Amino acid sequence: MLQYNARRSLRRAFGAVLWNSIRQGYSGIMANEKAHGGKSKYLCGKRILPRPVSKETDIVQLIDSMDAYNGGRLRAACQLLRDKYSQADVTVGMSVAGAMTPAGMGPSAIIPLMNHGFVDWLSATGANMYHDLHFAFNLPMHRGSHVVDDADLRDKGVTRIYDILFDYEDVLMETDRRLRHILLRPEFQKEMGTQEFYHHLGKVVDDHERASGLGQVSVLAAAYRNGIPVFTSSPGDSTIGMNIAGLELLAEASELNDRFRLKINPSIDVNESTAIILNAKRYEHGKTAVILMGGGSPKNFMLQTEPQIQEVLMIPEVGQDYDINVTDARPDTGGLSGAPPSEAASWGKIDPSKLDETVTAYLDSTVAFPMMAAYVVQTTEPKKLRRLYDRRSELHEKLIRSYLENNKEVEMLREIMRKLTA
């Protein structure tokens, strides 16, 4: 019995020593961690040790091996698309600025993403939609050089967009001639937003695209087929807007304003784009995401949907859930094109609690865009098309309902409106 008690006392003593050693060791580790500023949280990323590029390396392997700088940001953007944007409850908007359609981004990247269900609505410059028509009409644009004599190009009837060259008469003027005849069709004779305008135009160019036999080359045709809303926030700032203005001038001079009645109303676009975001968040209890290719007006138009909900309509909301920026603009000049997601959060455009799920890559869109599209198509399953254009009336009614339920100023504003003179 005495031996047993002695052994038990020894075990207890040994256990106490062992526990104290473990505790002291842990305390030492924590003290060391504290002394070095908690460095483990910074050194938890994947080790930089990529496999060598080989004949077997595909685009997914290549992008997944990009570890740093803007290569790393491109990888992060692609993986965010794969992991978050692919989810069924995420409504995705894409903005496109810069001359992307002349560079072939329509057939190579935008249309594949549309068909894959990764573009639920689109904001683009009018110029991009105008140059998209060249592809629908089978009017060729050519690779060229930016080191040319522009005076000689003008003399010979060739137009240039950096290193893209095309015929002034047979492409530019021919597109205008066809466009003017389209704009005189009966379905265009009303006041409308660009969403409805592009839907009608997409229906026409879809027929032209099918007739050309080139395959799917027009963004507007693809948007029409897939029920994808397309918006241009500054419709007068393009050759499409110029041709509408020219026809209005002719109607005025000919006293035919009662016949040619096409009017583009940007306010319709503001409300219809806002309704898309409100429906996704408030009524379908889903998430929203943006892919911002370049900056400018298309980027602002896409992001302003949240301030419109919160600030103007006074409906409680917190911002977009996911954000991918691809831009070559600097943030320190104060321009919107270079503004990062963190700045957008201060406006309510991006959910401040989701900033760790945003990516900004400072890259040329013509480099990043096709790689992102290829990565998405190869790593994700197609998403079900939302066909938001087909739901315009439903979404508009929901917007009005939420506005009237939440905005505390509506009665006062109504009363002022009633006092306006006719």
Protein backbone atom coordinates (compact mmCIF):
# COMPACT_ATOMS: atom_id res chain seq x y z
CA MET A 1 0.00 0.00 0.00
CA LEU A 2 2.83 2.35 0.87
CA GLN A 3 4.49 1.50 -2.46
CA TYR A 4 1.25 2.21 -4.35
CA ASN A 5 0.80 5.58 -2.69
CA ALA A 6 4.42 6.42 -3.42
CA ARG A 7 3.98 5.54 -7.11
CA ARG A 8 0.76 7.58 -7.32
CA SER A 9 2.45 10.56 -5.71
CA LEU A 10 5.31 10.20 -8.19
CA ARG A 11 2.91 10.09 -11.14
CA ARG A 12 1.11 13.17 -9.86
CA ALA A 13 4.35 15.01 -9.41
CA PHE A 14 5.53 13.95 -12.87
CA GLY A 15 2.17 14.99 -14.37
CA ALA A 16 2.36 18.38 -12.74
CA VAL A 17 5.88 18.86 -14.09
CA LEU A 18 4.79 17.76 -17.56
CA TRP A 19 1.75 20.05 -17.54
CA ASN A 20 3.82 22.95 -16.34
CA SER A 21 6.33 22.28 -19.12
CA ILE A 22 3.57 22.15 -21.72
CA ARG A 23 1.98 25.30 -20.33
CA GLN A 24 5.29 27.09 -20.20
CA GLY A 25 6.06 25.94 -23.72
CA TYR A 26 2.71 27.23 -24.97
CA SER A 27 3.19 30.48 -23.10
CA GLY A 28 6.61 30.74 -24.67
CA ILE A 29 5.17 30.19 -28.11
CA MET A 30 2.47 32.82 -27.52
CA ALA A 31 5.03 35.23 -26.08
CA ASN A 32 7.24 34.68 -29.09
CA GLU A 33 4.21 35.14 -31.40
CA LYS A 34 3.28 38.34 -29.59
CA ALA A 35 6.85 39.59 -29.67
CA HIS A 36 6.94 39.09 -33.42
CA GLY A 37 3.59 40.80 -34.00
CA GLY A 38 1.44 37.69 -34.63
CA LYS A 39 3.27 36.91 -37.86
CA SER A 40 1.57 33.55 -38.49
CA LYS A 41 -1.58 35.28 -39.74
CA TYR A 42 0.53 36.91 -42.45
CA LEU A 43 2.44 33.77 -43.38
CA CYS A 44 -0.54 31.46 -43.83
CA GLY A 45 -0.83 31.88 -47.62
CA LYS A 46 0.14 29.21 -50.09
CA ARG A 47 3.89 28.96 -50.57
CA ILE A 48 5.20 30.52 -53.78
CA LEU A 49 6.62 27.53 -55.60
CA PRO A 50 4.80 27.15 -58.95
CA ARG A 51 5.29 24.24 -61.29
CA PRO A 52 7.26 24.92 -64.45
CA VAL A 53 5.22 25.81 -67.55
CA SER A 54 5.17 22.89 -69.98
CA LYS A 55 3.44 21.74 -73.15
CA GLU A 56 0.68 20.29 -70.97
CA THR A 57 -0.02 23.52 -69.03
CA ASP A 58 -3.57 24.74 -69.69
CA ILE A 59 -5.09 28.16 -68.98
CA VAL A 60 -6.50 27.09 -65.60
CA GLN A 61 -3.17 25.73 -64.38
CA LEU A 62 -1.40 28.83 -65.67
CA ILE A 63 -3.72 31.24 -63.85
CA ASP A 64 -3.78 29.19 -60.65
CA SER A 65 0.03 29.41 -60.60
CA MET A 66 0.10 33.21 -60.75
CA ASP A 67 1.22 34.06 -57.24
CA ALA A 68 1.98 37.76 -57.03
CA TYR A 69 1.44 41.33 -58.24
CA ASN A 70 -1.30 41.77 -60.85
CA GLY A 71 -0.87 38.16 -61.92
CA GLY A 72 -1.92 37.31 -58.38
CA ARG A 73 -4.87 39.69 -58.63
CA LEU A 74 -5.96 38.06 -61.90
CA ARG A 75 -5.81 34.67 -60.19
CA ALA A 76 -7.83 35.99 -57.25
CA ALA A 77 -10.44 37.43 -59.65
CA CYS A 78 -10.75 34.16 -61.54
CA GLN A 79 -11.08 32.14 -58.35
CA LEU A 80 -13.69 34.55 -57.00
CA LEU A 81 -15.67 34.03 -60.20
CA ARG A 82 -15.33 30.28 -59.78
CA ASP A 83 -16.20 30.14 -56.09
CA LYS A 84 -18.77 32.93 -55.57
CA TYR A 85 -20.11 34.23 -58.87
CA SER A 86 -20.98 30.69 -59.92
CA GLN A 87 -23.53 30.29 -57.13
CA ALA A 88 -27.16 30.07 -58.22
CA ASP A 89 -28.37 32.91 -55.97
CA VAL A 90 -25.83 35.47 -57.26
CA THR A 91 -27.05 38.01 -59.84
CA VAL A 92 -24.08 39.22 -61.92
CA GLY A 93 -23.76 42.57 -63.65
CA MET A 94 -20.95 43.42 -66.05
CA SER A 95 -19.78 46.87 -67.15
CA VAL A 96 -17.68 47.36 -70.28
CA ALA A 97 -15.78 50.56 -71.06
CA GLY A 98 -13.14 51.30 -73.65
CA ALA A 99 -13.22 50.04 -77.23
CA MET A 100 -13.75 46.38 -76.34
CA THR A 101 -16.10 45.22 -79.12
CA PRO A 102 -13.87 46.54 -81.93
CA ALA A 103 -11.04 44.48 -80.39
CA GLY A 104 -13.14 41.31 -80.67
CA MET A 105 -14.03 40.98 -76.99
CA GLY A 106 -17.64 40.27 -77.97
CA PRO A 107 -17.13 36.88 -79.65
CA SER A 108 -14.08 35.95 -77.54
CA ALA A 109 -15.25 36.79 -74.00
CA ILE A 110 -18.55 38.63 -73.50
CA ILE A 111 -20.81 36.27 -75.46
CA PRO A 112 -19.30 33.08 -73.93
CA LEU A 113 -19.88 34.53 -70.44
CA MET A 114 -23.44 35.47 -71.42
CA ASN A 115 -24.19 31.99 -72.71
CA HIS A 116 -22.60 30.49 -69.58
CA GLY A 117 -25.00 32.43 -67.36
CA PHE A 118 -22.32 34.71 -65.84
CA VAL A 119 -23.79 37.98 -67.18
CA ASP A 120 -27.33 38.72 -65.99
CA TRP A 121 -27.25 42.37 -67.05
CA LEU A 122 -24.80 44.58 -68.93
CA SER A 123 -23.77 48.24 -68.82
CA ALA A 124 -21.69 49.41 -71.77
CA THR A 125 -20.80 52.54 -73.70
CA GLY A 126 -22.90 53.31 -76.74
CA ALA A 127 -19.72 53.14 -78.80
CA ASN A 128 -19.22 49.49 -77.84
CA MET A 129 -22.76 48.68 -78.95
CA TYR A 130 -22.32 50.65 -82.18
CA HIS A 131 -19.12 48.81 -83.15
CA ASP A 132 -20.83 45.55 -82.19
CA LEU A 133 -23.07 46.17 -85.20
CA HIS A 134 -20.12 45.79 -87.61
CA PHE A 135 -19.84 42.16 -86.54
CA ALA A 136 -23.58 41.55 -86.86
CA PHE A 137 -23.59 43.08 -90.35
CA ASN A 138 -20.49 41.07 -91.38
CA LEU A 139 -18.48 44.25 -92.03
CA PRO A 140 -14.80 43.45 -91.40
CA MET A 141 -12.35 45.12 -89.05
CA HIS A 142 -8.64 44.32 -89.41
CA ARG A 143 -5.49 43.97 -87.37
CA GLY A 144 -3.13 46.81 -88.10
CA SER A 145 -0.50 49.02 -86.53
CA HIS A 146 -0.64 52.08 -84.32
CA VAL A 147 2.50 53.36 -86.04
CA VAL A 148 0.85 54.76 -89.18
CA ASP A 149 0.33 58.06 -90.96
CA ASP A 150 -3.18 59.10 -89.90
CA ALA A 151 -3.37 61.85 -92.52
CA ASP A 152 -2.69 59.18 -95.16
CA LEU A 153 -5.35 56.93 -93.60
CA ARG A 154 -7.89 59.75 -93.87
CA ASP A 155 -6.89 60.41 -97.45
CA LYS A 156 -7.36 56.76 -98.36
CA GLY A 157 -10.62 56.30 -96.46
CA VAL A 158 -9.37 54.12 -93.59
CA THR A 159 -10.44 54.65 -89.95
CA ARG A 160 -8.27 53.68 -86.97
CA ILE A 161 -8.89 52.66 -83.37
CA TYR A 162 -5.29 52.35 -82.14
CA ASP A 163 -4.15 49.26 -84.09
CA ILE A 164 -7.59 48.30 -85.47
CA LEU A 165 -8.23 49.43 -89.04
CA PHE A 166 -11.46 49.45 -91.05
CA ASP A 167 -12.92 50.99 -94.17
CA TYR A 168 -14.60 54.37 -93.69
CA GLU A 169 -17.15 54.00 -96.49
CA ASP A 170 -17.79 50.25 -96.51
CA VAL A 171 -17.87 49.73 -92.75
CA LEU A 172 -18.45 52.99 -90.86
CA MET A 173 -20.82 54.70 -93.30
CA GLU A 174 -22.49 51.44 -94.27
CA THR A 175 -23.25 50.71 -90.60
CA ASP A 176 -24.79 54.17 -90.27
CA ARG A 177 -26.95 53.70 -93.36
CA ARG A 178 -28.30 50.36 -92.11
CA LEU A 179 -28.81 51.74 -88.59
CA ARG A 180 -30.89 54.69 -89.81
CA HIS A 181 -33.25 52.36 -91.66
CA ILE A 182 -33.58 50.20 -88.54
CA LEU A 183 -34.37 53.23 -86.37
CA LEU A 184 -37.29 54.09 -88.68
CA ARG A 185 -39.04 50.77 -87.99
CA PRO A 186 -42.41 50.98 -86.19
CA GLU A 187 -41.23 49.30 -82.97
CA PHE A 188 -38.80 52.17 -82.34
CA GLN A 189 -41.41 54.94 -82.54
CA LYS A 190 -41.90 55.64 -78.84
CA GLU A 191 -40.14 56.93 -75.75
CA MET A 192 -38.01 54.21 -74.14
CA GLY A 193 -34.91 53.46 -72.13
CA THR A 194 -31.81 51.90 -73.64
CA GLN A 195 -32.78 48.48 -72.24
CA GLU A 196 -35.86 48.32 -74.46
CA PHE A 197 -34.05 50.08 -77.33
CA TYR A 198 -31.23 47.53 -77.37
CA HIS A 199 -33.71 44.66 -77.12
CA HIS A 200 -35.42 45.81 -80.32
CA LEU A 201 -32.06 46.44 -81.98
CA GLY A 202 -30.82 43.04 -80.80
CA LYS A 203 -33.78 41.31 -82.43
CA VAL A 204 -32.94 42.94 -85.77
CA VAL A 205 -29.21 42.22 -85.61
CA ASP A 206 -29.89 38.64 -84.50
CA ASP A 207 -31.49 38.10 -87.91
CA HIS A 208 -28.46 39.69 -89.62
CA GLU A 209 -26.08 37.55 -87.58
CA ARG A 210 -27.89 34.36 -88.53
CA ALA A 211 -27.83 35.39 -92.19
CA SER A 212 -24.08 36.10 -92.15
CA GLY A 213 -23.18 32.54 -91.17
CA LEU A 214 -20.32 33.71 -88.93
CA GLY A 215 -21.79 32.22 -85.77
CA GLN A 216 -22.40 34.16 -82.57
CA VAL A 217 -20.48 37.39 -83.03
CA SER A 218 -22.83 40.17 -81.82
CA VAL A 219 -23.24 41.03 -78.13
CA LEU A 220 -26.62 42.65 -78.81
CA ALA A 221 -27.86 39.54 -80.62
CA ALA A 222 -26.70 37.32 -77.74
CA ALA A 223 -28.37 39.64 -75.21
CA TYR A 224 -31.62 39.46 -77.16
CA ARG A 225 -31.55 35.66 -77.34
CA ASN A 226 -30.70 35.27 -73.65
CA GLY A 227 -33.06 37.94 -72.30
CA ILE A 228 -30.16 39.98 -70.89
CA PRO A 229 -30.79 43.70 -70.24
CA VAL A 230 -28.24 46.05 -71.82
CA PHE A 231 -27.91 49.68 -70.70
CA THR A 232 -25.97 52.72 -71.86
CA SER A 233 -25.99 55.55 -69.34
CA SER A 234 -24.97 58.26 -71.84
CA PRO A 235 -26.82 57.25 -75.04
CA GLY A 236 -26.03 60.49 -76.86
CA ASP A 237 -22.29 59.84 -76.58
CA SER A 238 -21.97 57.42 -79.50
CA THR A 239 -22.73 57.08 -83.21
CA ILE A 240 -26.04 55.42 -82.31
CA GLY A 241 -27.05 58.55 -80.40
CA MET A 242 -25.71 60.74 -83.20
CA ASN A 243 -27.90 58.97 -85.75
CA ILE A 244 -30.98 59.28 -83.52
CA ALA A 245 -30.25 63.01 -83.20
CA GLY A 246 -29.86 63.31 -86.97
CA LEU A 247 -33.25 61.69 -87.57
CA GLU A 248 -34.85 63.94 -84.95
CA LEU A 249 -33.41 66.94 -86.76
CA LEU A 250 -34.85 65.69 -90.05
CA ALA A 251 -38.26 65.08 -88.45
CA GLU A 252 -38.24 68.62 -87.01
CA ALA A 253 -37.24 70.19 -90.32
CA SER A 254 -39.87 68.15 -92.19
CA GLU A 255 -42.65 68.70 -89.61
CA LEU A 256 -42.78 64.94 -89.06
CA ASN A 257 -42.30 64.90 -85.29
CA ASP A 258 -45.64 63.14 -84.97
CA ARG A 259 -44.28 60.29 -87.12
CA PHE A 260 -40.70 59.86 -85.88
CA ARG A 261 -41.21 59.56 -82.10
CA LEU A 262 -38.08 57.77 -80.88
CA LYS A 263 -36.87 59.33 -77.60
CA ILE A 264 -34.31 57.78 -75.25
CA ASN A 265 -35.15 58.52 -71.61
CA PRO A 266 -32.19 57.84 -69.27
CA SER A 267 -34.43 58.00 -66.17
CA ILE A 268 -36.11 54.79 -67.31
CA ASP A 269 -32.68 53.12 -67.28
CA VAL A 270 -31.88 54.37 -63.78
CA ASN A 271 -35.07 52.84 -62.40
CA GLU A 272 -34.91 49.60 -64.40
CA SER A 273 -31.30 48.87 -63.47
CA THR A 274 -32.03 49.66 -59.81
CA ALA A 275 -35.01 47.29 -59.91
CA ILE A 276 -32.68 44.43 -60.90
CA ILE A 277 -30.55 44.86 -57.77
CA LEU A 278 -33.51 45.44 -55.45
CA ASN A 279 -35.24 42.31 -56.68
CA ALA A 280 -32.13 40.17 -56.26
CA LYS A 281 -31.46 41.34 -52.69
CA ARG A 282 -34.83 42.18 -51.17
CA TYR A 283 -37.27 39.87 -52.94
CA GLU A 284 -35.17 36.85 -53.90
CA HIS A 285 -32.91 37.11 -50.81
CA GLY A 286 -29.86 36.47 -52.97
CA LYS A 287 -26.56 38.20 -53.55
CA THR A 288 -25.32 40.57 -56.24
CA ALA A 289 -21.92 40.80 -57.93
CA VAL A 290 -20.26 43.04 -60.47
CA ILE A 291 -17.53 42.52 -63.06
CA LEU A 292 -16.16 45.95 -63.95
CA MET A 293 -14.07 45.86 -67.12
CA GLY A 294 -12.57 49.33 -67.24
CA GLY A 295 -14.15 52.34 -65.57
CA GLY A 296 -15.98 55.39 -66.81
CA SER A 297 -19.71 55.84 -67.08
CA PRO A 298 -20.58 52.11 -67.41
CA LYS A 299 -18.86 51.35 -64.09
CA ASN A 300 -20.55 54.23 -62.30
CA PHE A 301 -23.96 53.38 -63.76
CA MET A 302 -23.67 49.80 -62.54
CA LEU A 303 -22.53 50.76 -59.04
CA GLN A 304 -24.97 53.65 -58.57
CA THR A 305 -27.88 51.20 -58.30
CA GLU A 306 -27.16 50.74 -54.58
CA PRO A 307 -27.02 54.48 -53.72
CA GLN A 308 -30.23 54.89 -55.73
CA ILE A 309 -31.87 52.28 -53.50
CA GLN A 310 -30.46 53.62 -50.22
CA GLU A 311 -30.01 57.35 -50.73
CA VAL A 312 -32.76 58.37 -53.15
CA LEU A 313 -35.50 55.77 -52.70
CA MET A 314 -34.58 55.37 -48.98
CA ILE A 315 -34.96 51.60 -49.02
CA PRO A 316 -32.69 49.82 -46.48
CA GLU A 317 -29.79 48.07 -48.22
CA VAL A 318 -26.04 47.59 -47.69
CA GLY A 319 -24.31 47.30 -51.09
CA GLN A 320 -23.08 44.78 -53.66
CA ASP A 321 -21.73 41.53 -52.24
CA TYR A 322 -18.86 40.83 -54.67
CA ASP A 323 -16.77 43.15 -56.83
CA ILE A 324 -14.10 42.52 -59.48
CA ASN A 325 -12.35 45.54 -61.00
CA VAL A 326 -10.05 45.33 -64.02
CA THR A 327 -8.65 48.77 -64.74
CA ASP A 328 -5.51 50.60 -65.84
CA ALA A 329 -6.56 53.82 -64.07
CA ARG A 330 -4.83 55.11 -60.94
CA PRO A 331 -6.88 55.77 -57.79
CA ASP A 332 -4.89 58.81 -56.64
CA THR A 333 -6.25 61.11 -59.38
CA GLY A 334 -9.71 60.93 -57.82
CA GLY A 335 -11.42 59.55 -60.90
CA LEU A 336 -14.15 56.93 -60.75
CA SER A 337 -12.27 54.67 -63.18
CA GLY A 338 -9.49 54.06 -60.64
CA ALA A 339 -11.60 54.14 -57.49
CA PRO A 340 -11.15 50.90 -55.49
CA PRO A 341 -13.96 48.89 -53.86
CA SER A 342 -13.05 50.29 -50.43
CA GLU A 343 -13.88 53.80 -51.64
CA ALA A 344 -17.09 52.50 -53.18
CA ALA A 345 -18.04 51.08 -49.77
CA SER A 346 -18.08 54.62 -48.35
CA TRP A 347 -20.88 55.41 -50.82
CA GLY A 348 -22.88 52.30 -50.00
CA LYS A 349 -22.05 50.79 -53.39
CA ILE A 350 -20.20 47.81 -51.90
CA ASP A 351 -21.12 46.04 -48.66
CA PRO A 352 -18.35 47.15 -46.21
CA SER A 353 -18.41 43.74 -44.54
CA LYS A 354 -17.61 42.03 -47.86
CA LEU A 355 -14.48 43.96 -48.88
CA ASP A 356 -12.36 40.84 -48.42
CA GLU A 357 -14.32 39.36 -51.33
CA THR A 358 -13.40 42.09 -53.80
CA VAL A 359 -10.48 42.15 -56.24
CA THR A 360 -8.85 44.97 -58.20
CA ALA A 361 -6.43 43.97 -60.96
CA TYR A 362 -4.50 46.74 -62.69
CA LEU A 363 -4.44 45.17 -66.13
CA ASP A 364 -5.36 45.85 -69.74
CA SER A 365 -8.86 44.43 -70.24
CA THR A 366 -7.91 42.93 -73.59
CA VAL A 367 -5.37 40.76 -71.73
CA ALA A 368 -7.41 39.90 -68.65
CA PHE A 369 -10.88 39.51 -70.15
CA PRO A 370 -10.32 36.47 -72.44
CA MET A 371 -8.32 34.72 -69.72
CA MET A 372 -11.09 35.27 -67.16
CA ALA A 373 -13.73 34.00 -69.59
CA ALA A 374 -11.70 30.90 -70.41
CA TYR A 375 -11.14 30.20 -66.71
CA VAL A 376 -14.86 30.48 -65.95
CA VAL A 377 -15.97 28.27 -68.84
CA GLN A 378 -13.41 25.58 -67.93
CA THR A 379 -13.92 25.51 -64.15
CA THR A 380 -17.68 26.05 -63.65
CA GLU A 381 -20.98 24.60 -64.79
CA PRO A 382 -23.32 26.84 -66.82
CA LYS A 383 -25.76 28.82 -64.68
CA LYS A 384 -29.46 29.00 -65.41
CA LEU A 385 -30.26 32.14 -67.40
CA ARG A 386 -32.27 34.66 -65.38
CA ARG A 387 -33.80 36.33 -68.46
CA LEU A 388 -34.30 39.57 -66.55
CA TYR A 389 -35.51 41.46 -69.63
CA ASP A 390 -38.58 39.24 -69.72
CA ARG A 391 -39.37 40.30 -66.12
CA ARG A 392 -39.22 44.09 -66.63
CA SER A 393 -42.81 44.80 -65.56
CA GLU A 394 -42.57 42.58 -62.48
CA LEU A 395 -39.31 44.18 -61.31
CA HIS A 396 -40.67 47.69 -61.92
CA GLU A 397 -43.75 47.00 -59.80
CA LYS A 398 -41.56 45.69 -56.97
CA LEU A 399 -39.41 48.83 -57.14
CA ILE A 400 -42.45 51.10 -56.85
CA ARG A 401 -43.88 49.06 -53.98
CA SER A 402 -40.66 49.22 -51.95
CA TYR A 403 -40.21 52.91 -52.71
CA LEU A 404 -43.68 53.84 -51.47
CA GLU A 405 -43.35 51.64 -48.40
CA ASN A 406 -39.99 53.01 -47.26
CA ASN A 407 -39.52 56.60 -48.44
CA LYS A 408 -40.76 59.07 -45.81
CA GLU A 409 -40.84 62.00 -48.25
CA VAL A 410 -43.27 60.66 -50.84
CA GLU A 411 -46.36 62.42 -49.47
CA MET A 412 -44.57 65.76 -49.29
CA LEU A 413 -43.18 65.34 -52.80
CA ARG A 414 -46.59 64.33 -54.13
CA GLU A 415 -48.13 67.47 -52.66
CA ILE A 416 -45.49 69.65 -54.33
CA MET A 417 -46.05 67.83 -57.63
CA ARG A 418 -49.79 68.53 -57.42
CA LYS A 419 -49.07 72.25 -57.19
CA LEU A 420 -46.97 72.28 -60.37
CA THR A 421 -48.63 74.22 -63.17
CA ALA A 422 -49.51 72.39 -66.34
